[in-house]
PDB file of N, CA and C in Angstrom:
ATOM      1  N   MET A   1     -32.677 -11.361  37.897  1.00  0.00           N
ATOM      2  CA  MET A   1     -32.292 -11.628  36.489  1.00  0.00           C
ATOM      3  C   MET A   1     -31.804 -10.264  35.972  1.00  0.00           C
ATOM      4  N   THR A   2     -30.671 -10.247  35.368  1.00  0.00           N
ATOM      5  CA  THR A   2     -29.895  -9.100  34.856  1.00  0.00           C
ATOM      6  C   THR A   2     -30.170  -8.937  33.247  1.00  0.00           C
ATOM      7  N   ILE A   3     -30.544  -7.898  32.774  1.00  0.00           N
ATOM      8  CA  ILE A   3     -30.718  -7.637  31.444  1.00  0.00           C
ATOM      9  C   ILE A   3     -29.731  -6.668  30.916  1.00  0.00           C
ATOM     10  N   MET A   4     -28.869  -7.085  29.835  1.00  0.00           N
ATOM     11  CA  MET A   4     -27.967  -6.095  29.345  1.00  0.00           C
ATOM     12  C   MET A   4     -28.636  -5.351  28.214  1.00  0.00           C
ATOM     13  N   ALA A   5     -28.405  -4.207  28.123  1.00  0.00           N
ATOM     14  CA  ALA A   5     -29.049  -3.279  27.161  1.00  0.00           C
ATOM     15  C   ALA A   5     -28.236  -3.729  25.790  1.00  0.00           C
ATOM     16  N   THR A   6     -26.955  -3.637  25.785  1.00  0.00           N
ATOM     17  CA  THR A   6     -26.162  -3.916  24.723  1.00  0.00           C
ATOM     18  C   THR A   6     -25.187  -5.062  25.068  1.00  0.00           C
ATOM     19  N   PRO A   7     -24.777  -5.839  23.936  1.00  0.00           N
ATOM     20  CA  PRO A   7     -23.939  -7.006  24.242  1.00  0.00           C
ATOM     21  C   PRO A   7     -22.506  -6.355  24.538  1.00  0.00           C
ATOM     22  N   PRO A   8     -21.611  -6.961  25.242  1.00  0.00           N
ATOM     23  CA  PRO A   8     -20.320  -6.382  25.412  1.00  0.00           C
ATOM     24  C   PRO A   8     -19.517  -6.482  24.152  1.00  0.00           C
ATOM     25  N   ARG A   9     -18.566  -5.557  23.902  1.00  0.00           N
ATOM     26  CA  ARG A   9     -17.719  -5.176  22.580  1.00  0.00           C
ATOM     27  C   ARG A   9     -16.309  -5.526  23.134  1.00  0.00           C
ATOM     28  N   ALA A  10     -15.646  -5.935  22.176  1.00  0.00           N
ATOM     29  CA  ALA A  10     -14.141  -6.225  22.429  1.00  0.00           C
ATOM     30  C   ALA A  10     -13.368  -4.919  22.426  1.00  0.00           C
ATOM     31  N   GLY A  11     -13.735  -4.009  21.608  1.00  0.00           N
ATOM     32  CA  GLY A  11     -13.008  -2.778  21.730  1.00  0.00           C
ATOM     33  C   GLY A  11     -12.463  -2.241  20.287  1.00  0.00           C
ATOM     34  N   TRP A  12     -11.782  -1.100  20.292  1.00  0.00           N
ATOM     35  CA  TRP A  12     -11.367  -0.466  19.031  1.00  0.00           C
ATOM     36  C   TRP A  12     -10.426  -1.505  18.200  1.00  0.00           C
ATOM     37  N   TYR A  13      -9.424  -2.068  19.145  1.00  0.00           N
ATOM     38  CA  TYR A  13      -8.416  -2.737  18.389  1.00  0.00           C
ATOM     39  C   TYR A  13      -8.924  -3.998  17.807  1.00  0.00           C
ATOM     40  N   GLU A  14      -9.782  -4.732  18.466  1.00  0.00           N
ATOM     41  CA  GLU A  14     -10.391  -5.863  17.872  1.00  0.00           C
ATOM     42  C   GLU A  14     -11.266  -5.542  16.634  1.00  0.00           C
ATOM     43  N   ASP A  15     -11.936  -4.395  16.641  1.00  0.00           N
ATOM     44  CA  ASP A  15     -12.821  -3.886  15.533  1.00  0.00           C
ATOM     45  C   ASP A  15     -11.812  -3.649  14.208  1.00  0.00           C
ATOM     46  N   GLU A  16     -10.676  -3.074  14.439  1.00  0.00           N
ATOM     47  CA  GLU A  16      -9.870  -2.760  13.400  1.00  0.00           C
ATOM     48  C   GLU A  16      -9.129  -4.026  12.817  1.00  0.00           C
ATOM     49  N   GLU A  17      -8.827  -4.948  13.787  1.00  0.00           N
ATOM     50  CA  GLU A  17      -8.321  -6.214  13.395  1.00  0.00           C
ATOM     51  C   GLU A  17      -9.422  -7.117  12.460  1.00  0.00           C
ATOM     52  N   GLN A  18     -10.666  -7.164  12.992  1.00  0.00           N
ATOM     53  CA  GLN A  18     -11.683  -7.697  12.190  1.00  0.00           C
ATOM     54  C   GLN A  18     -11.878  -7.058  10.834  1.00  0.00           C
ATOM     55  N   ARG A  19     -11.743  -5.734  10.758  1.00  0.00           N
ATOM     56  CA  ARG A  19     -11.886  -5.006   9.477  1.00  0.00           C
ATOM     57  C   ARG A  19     -10.655  -5.444   8.553  1.00  0.00           C
ATOM     58  N   ASP A  20      -9.461  -5.518   9.099  1.00  0.00           N
ATOM     59  CA  ASP A  20      -8.375  -5.904   8.324  1.00  0.00           C
ATOM     60  C   ASP A  20      -8.470  -7.235   7.862  1.00  0.00           C
ATOM     61  N   ASN A  21      -9.114  -8.293   8.552  1.00  0.00           N
ATOM     62  CA  ASN A  21      -9.264  -9.654   8.327  1.00  0.00           C
ATOM     63  C   ASN A  21     -10.289  -9.722   7.195  1.00  0.00           C
ATOM     64  N   ASP A  22     -11.303  -8.842   7.212  1.00  0.00           N
ATOM     65  CA  ASP A  22     -12.328  -8.855   6.167  1.00  0.00           C
ATOM     66  C   ASP A  22     -11.829  -8.394   4.668  1.00  0.00           C
ATOM     67  N   LEU A  23     -10.690  -7.895   4.759  1.00  0.00           N
ATOM     68  CA  LEU A  23     -10.118  -7.462   3.536  1.00  0.00           C
ATOM     69  C   LEU A  23      -9.616  -8.692   2.708  1.00  0.00           C
ATOM     70  N   GLY A  24      -9.349  -9.807   3.485  1.00  0.00           N
ATOM     71  CA  GLY A  24      -8.931 -10.853   2.870  1.00  0.00           C
ATOM     72  C   GLY A  24      -7.309 -10.887   2.873  1.00  0.00           C
ATOM     73  N   PRO A  25      -6.764 -11.954   2.253  1.00  0.00           N
ATOM     74  CA  PRO A  25      -5.208 -12.058   2.408  1.00  0.00           C
ATOM     75  C   PRO A  25      -4.618 -11.089   1.704  1.00  0.00           C
ATOM     76  N   MET A  26      -3.439 -10.512   2.387  1.00  0.00           N
ATOM     77  CA  MET A  26      -2.613  -9.595   1.672  1.00  0.00           C
ATOM     78  C   MET A  26      -1.360 -10.266   1.020  1.00  0.00           C
ATOM     79  N   PRO A  27      -0.839  -9.514   0.030  1.00  0.00           N
ATOM     80  CA  PRO A  27       0.302 -10.087  -0.662  1.00  0.00           C
ATOM     81  C   PRO A  27       1.446 -10.246   0.195  1.00  0.00           C
ATOM     82  N   ASP A  28       2.160 -11.291   0.052  1.00  0.00           N
ATOM     83  CA  ASP A  28       3.261 -11.491   0.967  1.00  0.00           C
ATOM     84  C   ASP A  28       4.266 -10.299   0.666  1.00  0.00           C
ATOM     85  N   GLU A  29       5.093 -10.117   1.673  1.00  0.00           N
ATOM     86  CA  GLU A  29       5.971  -8.904   1.554  1.00  0.00           C
ATOM     87  C   GLU A  29       7.117  -9.233   0.482  1.00  0.00           C
ATOM     88  N   ALA A  30       7.546 -10.192   0.160  1.00  0.00           N
ATOM     89  CA  ALA A  30       8.399 -10.676  -0.790  1.00  0.00           C
ATOM     90  C   ALA A  30       7.992 -10.241  -2.113  1.00  0.00           C
ATOM     91  N   GLU A  31       6.518 -10.770  -2.359  1.00  0.00           N
ATOM     92  CA  GLU A  31       5.812 -10.563  -3.615  1.00  0.00           C
ATOM     93  C   GLU A  31       5.707  -9.125  -3.914  1.00  0.00           C
ATOM     94  N   PHE A  32       5.473  -8.280  -2.886  1.00  0.00           N
ATOM     95  CA  PHE A  32       5.477  -6.739  -2.964  1.00  0.00           C
ATOM     96  C   PHE A  32       6.772  -6.203  -3.395  1.00  0.00           C
ATOM     97  N   HIS A  33       7.825  -6.651  -2.937  1.00  0.00           N
ATOM     98  CA  HIS A  33       9.059  -6.148  -3.256  1.00  0.00           C
ATOM     99  C   HIS A  33       9.486  -6.728  -4.749  1.00  0.00           C
ATOM    100  N   GLN A  34       8.960  -7.751  -5.091  1.00  0.00           N
ATOM    101  CA  GLN A  34       9.287  -8.225  -6.430  1.00  0.00           C
ATOM    102  C   GLN A  34       8.564  -7.320  -7.440  1.00  0.00           C
ATOM    103  N   LEU A  35       7.203  -7.040  -7.088  1.00  0.00           N
ATOM    104  CA  LEU A  35       6.388  -6.146  -7.861  1.00  0.00           C
ATOM    105  C   LEU A  35       6.996  -4.788  -7.977  1.00  0.00           C
ATOM    106  N   VAL A  36       7.549  -4.271  -6.924  1.00  0.00           N
ATOM    107  CA  VAL A  36       8.103  -2.905  -6.940  1.00  0.00           C
ATOM    108  C   VAL A  36       9.420  -3.079  -7.890  1.00  0.00           C
ATOM    109  N   ARG A  37      10.260  -4.062  -7.581  1.00  0.00           N
ATOM    110  CA  ARG A  37      11.412  -4.162  -8.657  1.00  0.00           C
ATOM    111  C   ARG A  37      11.178  -4.249 -10.086  1.00  0.00           C
ATOM    112  N   HIS A  38      10.033  -4.946 -10.269  1.00  0.00           N
ATOM    113  CA  HIS A  38       9.543  -5.052 -11.711  1.00  0.00           C
ATOM    114  C   HIS A  38       9.072  -3.649 -12.172  1.00  0.00           C
ATOM    115  N   LEU A  39       8.474  -2.848 -11.581  1.00  0.00           N
ATOM    116  CA  LEU A  39       7.854  -1.639 -11.815  1.00  0.00           C
ATOM    117  C   LEU A  39       9.043  -0.696 -12.083  1.00  0.00           C
ATOM    118  N   VAL A  40       9.998  -0.786 -11.304  1.00  0.00           N
ATOM    119  CA  VAL A  40      11.049   0.130 -11.394  1.00  0.00           C
ATOM    120  C   VAL A  40      12.056  -0.269 -12.559  1.00  0.00           C
ATOM    121  N   ALA A  41      12.130  -1.449 -12.815  1.00  0.00           N
ATOM    122  CA  ALA A  41      12.822  -1.913 -14.037  1.00  0.00           C
ATOM    123  C   ALA A  41      12.116  -1.441 -15.420  1.00  0.00           C
ATOM    124  N   ASP A  42      10.803  -1.486 -15.335  1.00  0.00           N
ATOM    125  CA  ASP A  42       9.990  -1.186 -16.523  1.00  0.00           C
ATOM    126  C   ASP A  42      10.098   0.217 -16.752  1.00  0.00           C
ATOM    127  N   GLY A  43      10.054   1.103 -15.545  1.00  0.00           N
ATOM    128  CA  GLY A  43      10.095   2.488 -15.638  1.00  0.00           C
ATOM    129  C   GLY A  43      11.507   2.848 -16.284  1.00  0.00           C
ATOM    130  N   ASP A  44      12.578   2.325 -15.614  1.00  0.00           N
ATOM    131  CA  ASP A  44      13.943   2.663 -16.084  1.00  0.00           C
ATOM    132  C   ASP A  44      13.981   2.261 -17.632  1.00  0.00           C
ATOM    133  N   SER A  45      13.475   1.267 -18.048  1.00  0.00           N
ATOM    134  CA  SER A  45      13.424   0.983 -19.564  1.00  0.00           C
ATOM    135  C   SER A  45      12.784   1.886 -20.450  1.00  0.00           C
ATOM    136  N   ARG A  46      11.609   2.304 -19.938  1.00  0.00           N
ATOM    137  CA  ARG A  46      10.796   3.238 -20.645  1.00  0.00           C
ATOM    138  C   ARG A  46      11.585   4.663 -20.723  1.00  0.00           C
ATOM    139  N   ALA A  47      12.276   5.048 -19.633  1.00  0.00           N
ATOM    140  CA  ALA A  47      12.990   6.254 -19.555  1.00  0.00           C
ATOM    141  C   ALA A  47      14.045   6.116 -20.606  1.00  0.00           C
ATOM    142  N   ALA A  48      14.848   5.105 -20.721  1.00  0.00           N
ATOM    143  CA  ALA A  48      15.906   4.863 -21.563  1.00  0.00           C
ATOM    144  C   ALA A  48      15.384   5.071 -22.968  1.00  0.00           C
ATOM    145  N   THR A  49      14.094   4.486 -23.189  1.00  0.00           N
ATOM    146  CA  THR A  49      13.613   4.595 -24.617  1.00  0.00           C
ATOM    147  C   THR A  49      13.272   6.028 -24.871  1.00  0.00           C
ATOM    148  N   ALA A  50      12.864   6.780 -23.989  1.00  0.00           N
ATOM    149  CA  ALA A  50      12.469   8.157 -24.188  1.00  0.00           C
ATOM    150  C   ALA A  50      13.912   9.118 -24.197  1.00  0.00           C
ATOM    151  N   GLY A  51      15.042   8.553 -24.068  1.00  0.00           N
ATOM    152  CA  GLY A  51      16.228   9.281 -24.127  1.00  0.00           C
ATOM    153  C   GLY A  51      16.638   9.816 -22.738  1.00  0.00           C
ATOM    154  N   ARG A  52      16.115   9.446 -21.674  1.00  0.00           N
ATOM    155  CA  ARG A  52      16.446   9.874 -20.361  1.00  0.00           C
ATOM    156  C   ARG A  52      17.486   8.947 -19.812  1.00  0.00           C
ATOM    157  N   LEU A  53      18.505   9.574 -19.261  1.00  0.00           N
ATOM    158  CA  LEU A  53      19.484   8.841 -18.397  1.00  0.00           C
ATOM    159  C   LEU A  53      19.346   8.578 -16.925  1.00  0.00           C
ATOM    160  N   ALA A  54      18.562   9.494 -16.466  1.00  0.00           N
ATOM    161  CA  ALA A  54      18.179   9.445 -14.894  1.00  0.00           C
ATOM    162  C   ALA A  54      16.667   9.411 -14.689  1.00  0.00           C
ATOM    163  N   ARG A  55      16.313   9.114 -13.638  1.00  0.00           N
ATOM    164  CA  ARG A  55      14.849   9.247 -13.120  1.00  0.00           C
ATOM    165  C   ARG A  55      14.654  10.575 -13.107  1.00  0.00           C
ATOM    166  N   ARG A  56      13.339  10.899 -13.251  1.00  0.00           N
ATOM    167  CA  ARG A  56      12.746  12.339 -13.323  1.00  0.00           C
ATOM    168  C   ARG A  56      12.901  12.911 -11.906  1.00  0.00           C
ATOM    169  N   THR A  57      13.000  14.162 -11.755  1.00  0.00           N
ATOM    170  CA  THR A  57      13.229  14.691 -10.486  1.00  0.00           C
ATOM    171  C   THR A  57      11.795  15.369 -10.012  1.00  0.00           C
ATOM    172  N   LEU A  58      11.622  15.780  -8.903  1.00  0.00           N
ATOM    173  CA  LEU A  58      10.239  16.588  -8.666  1.00  0.00           C
ATOM    174  C   LEU A  58      10.120  17.737  -9.458  1.00  0.00           C
ATOM    175  N   ALA A  59      11.119  18.462  -9.528  1.00  0.00           N
ATOM    176  CA  ALA A  59      11.102  19.801 -10.091  1.00  0.00           C
ATOM    177  C   ALA A  59      10.725  19.588 -11.665  1.00  0.00           C
ATOM    178  N   GLU A  60      11.103  18.479 -12.374  1.00  0.00           N
ATOM    179  CA  GLU A  60      10.913  18.204 -13.637  1.00  0.00           C
ATOM    180  C   GLU A  60       9.351  17.739 -13.764  1.00  0.00           C
ATOM    181  N   MET A  61       8.757  17.230 -12.715  1.00  0.00           N
ATOM    182  CA  MET A  61       7.462  16.981 -12.802  1.00  0.00           C
ATOM    183  C   MET A  61       6.436  18.239 -12.461  1.00  0.00           C
ATOM    184  N   GLY A  62       7.097  19.295 -11.963  1.00  0.00           N
ATOM    185  CA  GLY A  62       6.365  20.445 -11.644  1.00  0.00           C
ATOM    186  C   GLY A  62       6.046  20.612 -10.170  1.00  0.00           C
ATOM    187  N   VAL A  63       6.605  19.853  -9.424  1.00  0.00           N
ATOM    188  CA  VAL A  63       6.236  19.806  -7.850  1.00  0.00           C
ATOM    189  C   VAL A  63       7.183  20.694  -7.226  1.00  0.00           C
ATOM    190  N   THR A  64       6.493  21.699  -6.472  1.00  0.00           N
ATOM    191  CA  THR A  64       7.332  22.772  -5.635  1.00  0.00           C
ATOM    192  C   THR A  64       7.132  22.332  -4.206  1.00  0.00           C
ATOM    193  N   ARG A  65       8.090  22.679  -3.486  1.00  0.00           N
ATOM    194  CA  ARG A  65       8.028  22.385  -1.982  1.00  0.00           C
ATOM    195  C   ARG A  65       7.782  23.641  -1.167  1.00  0.00           C
TER     196      ARG A  65
END
């Protein structure tokens, strides 16, 4: 009779796949793009209200490379 110390494991890939599945369903890609378009349009409208004609640049936000 052979006794195994630990049960066999599927491996790293299967562990990652299970972790991803445990997160639940992810939004459809089309829904994601629709959300981004909405956020961009909202940001553009807020910028226009603030008197800006163009999106802010990294330099305007204080970011240096």
